[in-house]
C-alpha cells in the first residue's frame, strides 16, 4: 500500500525491471485508489465520531475527555470498521444516547 506524507505525495517501490505492463500500471492505480478511499473513509469516520462526542458533551454535560473516553470504551469504533452502513444509518445523537445509556447501565451493575 502506498504511503502518503503531509503533502499526500505517494511513494512507491522501485521496480526490479524497467518493463512495465498495463497490468502493473493498473495494479498501481488500484493501490492509489484504495489508499485515498481508505483515507477518506477514516476522515469521515473521525468527523462522525466528533459529532457523537459533541452530542455527548451537550446532552449529558460531559467534558471533552469524558465524552472521548465513553466513545473509546464503546463498541462504536468496531462497528464503524465492521459495519459502517449500520452505523451511518443512525445519526450522531442516536449513538450518543446509546453510548451513554450503555455505559451508565454498566456502571450501575458494578
C-alpha atoms as a PDB file:
ATOM      1  CA  UNK A   1       0.000   0.000   0.000  1.00  0.00           C
ATOM      2  CA  UNK A   2       1.429   3.394  -0.899  1.00  0.00           C
ATOM      3  CA  UNK A   3       2.160   5.757   1.911  1.00  0.00           C
ATOM      4  CA  UNK A   4       1.413   9.458   1.997  1.00  0.00           C
ATOM      5  CA  UNK A   5       3.165  12.231   3.808  1.00  0.00           C
ATOM      6  CA  UNK A   6       1.811  15.631   4.780  1.00  0.00           C
ATOM      7  CA  UNK A   7       1.738  16.684   1.132  1.00  0.00           C
ATOM      8  CA  UNK A   8      -0.086  13.498   0.114  1.00  0.00           C
ATOM      9  CA  UNK A   9       2.748  12.522  -2.162  1.00  0.00           C
ATOM     10  CA  UNK A  10       2.827   8.838  -2.943  1.00  0.00           C
ATOM     11  CA  UNK A  11       5.956   6.847  -2.530  1.00  0.00           C
ATOM     12  CA  UNK A  12       6.258   3.626  -4.433  1.00  0.00           C
ATOM     13  CA  UNK A  13       8.822   0.906  -4.619  1.00  0.00           C
ATOM     14  CA  UNK A  14      11.367   0.984  -7.414  1.00  0.00           C
ATOM     15  CA  UNK A  15      10.562  -1.752  -9.902  1.00  0.00           C
ATOM     16  CA  UNK A  16      13.016  -4.571 -10.354  1.00  0.00           C
ATOM     17  CA  UNK A  17      12.854  -4.325 -14.115  1.00  0.00           C
ATOM     18  CA  UNK A  18      12.151  -1.411 -16.408  1.00  0.00           C
ATOM     19  CA  UNK A  19       9.482  -3.249 -18.436  1.00  0.00           C
ATOM     20  CA  UNK A  20       6.140  -2.039 -17.156  1.00  0.00           C
ATOM     21  CA  UNK A  21       2.995  -3.700 -18.292  1.00  0.00           C
ATOM     22  CA  UNK A  22      -0.511  -2.353 -18.397  1.00  0.00           C
ATOM     23  CA  UNK A  23      -1.315  -4.796 -15.635  1.00  0.00           C
ATOM     24  CA  UNK A  24       1.427  -3.301 -13.434  1.00  0.00           C
ATOM     25  CA  UNK A  25       0.090   0.174 -14.054  1.00  0.00           C
ATOM     26  CA  UNK A  26      -3.498  -0.851 -13.285  1.00  0.00           C
ATOM     27  CA  UNK A  27      -2.354  -2.577 -10.137  1.00  0.00           C
ATOM     28  CA  UNK A  28      -0.578   0.574  -9.010  1.00  0.00           C
ATOM     29  CA  UNK A  29      -3.648   2.700  -9.812  1.00  0.00           C
ATOM     30  CA  UNK A  30      -5.824   0.345  -7.756  1.00  0.00           C
ATOM     31  CA  UNK A  31      -3.439   0.719  -4.807  1.00  0.00           C
ATOM     32  CA  UNK A  32      -3.560   4.518  -5.123  1.00  0.00           C
ATOM     33  CA  UNK A  33      -7.361   4.485  -5.342  1.00  0.00           C
ATOM     34  CA  UNK A  34      -7.661   2.168  -2.317  1.00  0.00           C
ATOM     35  CA  UNK A  35      -5.270   4.360  -0.330  1.00  0.00           C
ATOM     36  CA  UNK A  36      -7.307   7.521  -0.891  1.00  0.00           C
ATOM     37  CA  UNK A  37     -10.640   5.783  -0.350  1.00  0.00           C
ATOM     38  CA  UNK A  38      -9.381   4.401   2.965  1.00  0.00           C
ATOM     39  CA  UNK A  39      -8.042   7.825   3.939  1.00  0.00           C
ATOM     40  CA  UNK A  40     -11.365   9.461   3.035  1.00  0.00           C
ATOM     41  CA  UNK A  41     -13.359   6.839   4.942  1.00  0.00           C
ATOM     42  CA  UNK A  42     -11.136   7.330   8.005  1.00  0.00           C
ATOM     43  CA  UNK A  43     -11.593  11.107   7.871  1.00  0.00           C
ATOM     44  CA  UNK A  44     -15.377  10.739   7.549  1.00  0.00           C
ATOM     45  CA  UNK A  45     -15.432   8.326  10.483  1.00  0.00           C
ATOM     46  CA  UNK A  46     -13.400  10.747  12.599  1.00  0.00           C
ATOM     47  CA  UNK A  47     -15.772  13.568  11.725  1.00  0.00           C
ATOM     48  CA  UNK A  48     -18.803  11.437  12.643  1.00  0.00           C
ATOM     49  CA  UNK A  49     -17.165  10.446  15.950  1.00  0.00           C
ATOM     50  CA  UNK A  50     -16.568  14.131  16.695  1.00  0.00           C
ATOM     51  CA  UNK A  51     -20.313  14.767  16.215  1.00  0.00           C
ATOM     52  CA  UNK A  52     -21.074  11.946  18.647  1.00  0.00           C
ATOM     53  CA  UNK A  53     -18.580  13.403  21.129  1.00  0.00           C
ATOM     54  CA  UNK A  54     -20.170  16.855  20.784  1.00  0.00           C
ATOM     55  CA  UNK A  55     -23.634  15.390  21.372  1.00  0.00           C
ATOM     56  CA  UNK A  56     -22.396  13.532  24.452  1.00  0.00           C
ATOM     57  CA  UNK A  57     -20.957  16.771  25.791  1.00  0.00           C
ATOM     58  CA  UNK A  58     -24.107  18.797  25.129  1.00  0.00           C
ATOM     59  CA  UNK A  59     -26.768  16.235  26.078  1.00  0.00           C
ATOM     60  CA  UNK A  60     -25.119  14.811  29.169  1.00  0.00           C
ATOM     61  CA  UNK A  61     -22.967  17.712  30.363  1.00  0.00           C
ATOM     62  CA  UNK A  62     -19.684  15.839  29.880  1.00  0.00           C
ATOM     63  CA  UNK A  63     -16.322  17.415  29.260  1.00  0.00           C
ATOM     64  CA  UNK A  64     -14.253  16.575  26.185  1.00  0.00           C
ATOM     65  CA  UNK A  65     -12.165  13.925  27.956  1.00  0.00           C
ATOM     66  CA  UNK A  66     -15.168  12.163  29.492  1.00  0.00           C
ATOM     67  CA  UNK A  67     -17.004  12.064  26.170  1.00  0.00           C
ATOM     68  CA  UNK A  68     -13.909  10.768  24.365  1.00  0.00           C
ATOM     69  CA  UNK A  69     -13.411   8.039  26.986  1.00  0.00           C
ATOM     70  CA  UNK A  70     -17.020   6.935  26.580  1.00  0.00           C
ATOM     71  CA  UNK A  71     -16.565   6.655  22.825  1.00  0.00           C
ATOM     72  CA  UNK A  72     -13.341   4.703  23.221  1.00  0.00           C
ATOM     73  CA  UNK A  73     -14.964   2.265  25.672  1.00  0.00           C
ATOM     74  CA  UNK A  74     -17.990   1.750  23.437  1.00  0.00           C
ATOM     75  CA  UNK A  75     -18.472  -0.562  20.503  1.00  0.00           C
ATOM     76  CA  UNK A  76     -18.934   2.279  18.002  1.00  0.00           C
ATOM     77  CA  UNK A  77     -15.372   2.206  16.623  1.00  0.00           C
ATOM     78  CA  UNK A  78     -15.510  -1.538  15.997  1.00  0.00           C
ATOM     79  CA  UNK A  79     -18.915  -1.129  14.372  1.00  0.00           C
ATOM     80  CA  UNK A  80     -17.560   1.601  12.093  1.00  0.00           C
ATOM     81  CA  UNK A  81     -14.925  -0.818  10.834  1.00  0.00           C
ATOM     82  CA  UNK A  82     -17.135  -3.907  10.621  1.00  0.00           C
ATOM     83  CA  UNK A  83     -20.491  -2.476   9.589  1.00  0.00           C
ATOM     84  CA  UNK A  84     -20.318   1.203   8.597  1.00  0.00           C
ATOM     85  CA  UNK A  85     -23.676   1.104   6.801  1.00  0.00           C
ATOM     86  CA  UNK A  86     -25.377   0.173  10.073  1.00  0.00           C
ATOM     87  CA  UNK A  87     -23.611   2.955  11.973  1.00  0.00           C
ATOM     88  CA  UNK A  88     -24.349   5.627   9.383  1.00  0.00           C
ATOM     89  CA  UNK A  89     -27.976   4.549   9.218  1.00  0.00           C
ATOM     90  CA  UNK A  90     -28.444   6.372  12.541  1.00  0.00           C
ATOM     91  CA  UNK A  91     -27.475   9.929  13.409  1.00  0.00           C
ATOM     92  CA  UNK A  92     -24.854  11.051  15.907  1.00  0.00           C
ATOM     93  CA  UNK A  93     -27.471  11.952  18.509  1.00  0.00           C
ATOM     94  CA  UNK A  94     -28.765   8.360  18.476  1.00  0.00           C
ATOM     95  CA  UNK A  95     -25.259   6.978  19.017  1.00  0.00           C
ATOM     96  CA  UNK A  96     -24.514   9.483  21.787  1.00  0.00           C
ATOM     97  CA  UNK A  97     -27.645   8.405  23.664  1.00  0.00           C
ATOM     98  CA  UNK A  98     -26.888   4.741  23.016  1.00  0.00           C
ATOM     99  CA  UNK A  99     -23.291   5.024  24.221  1.00  0.00           C
ATOM    100  CA  UNK A 100     -24.294   6.979  27.318  1.00  0.00           C
ATOM    101  CA  UNK A 101     -27.117   4.646  28.338  1.00  0.00           C
ATOM    102  CA  UNK A 102     -24.994   1.572  27.680  1.00  0.00           C
ATOM    103  CA  UNK A 103     -22.156   2.831  29.849  1.00  0.00           C
ATOM    104  CA  UNK A 104     -24.454   4.064  32.594  1.00  0.00           C
ATOM    105  CA  UNK A 105     -26.115   0.644  32.776  1.00  0.00           C
ATOM    106  CA  UNK A 106     -22.682  -0.992  33.002  1.00  0.00           C
ATOM    107  CA  UNK A 107     -21.748   1.312  35.886  1.00  0.00           C
ATOM    108  CA  UNK A 108     -24.931   0.525  37.752  1.00  0.00           C
ATOM    109  CA  UNK A 109     -24.159  -3.213  37.503  1.00  0.00           C
ATOM    110  CA  UNK A 110     -20.742  -2.806  39.115  1.00  0.00           C
END
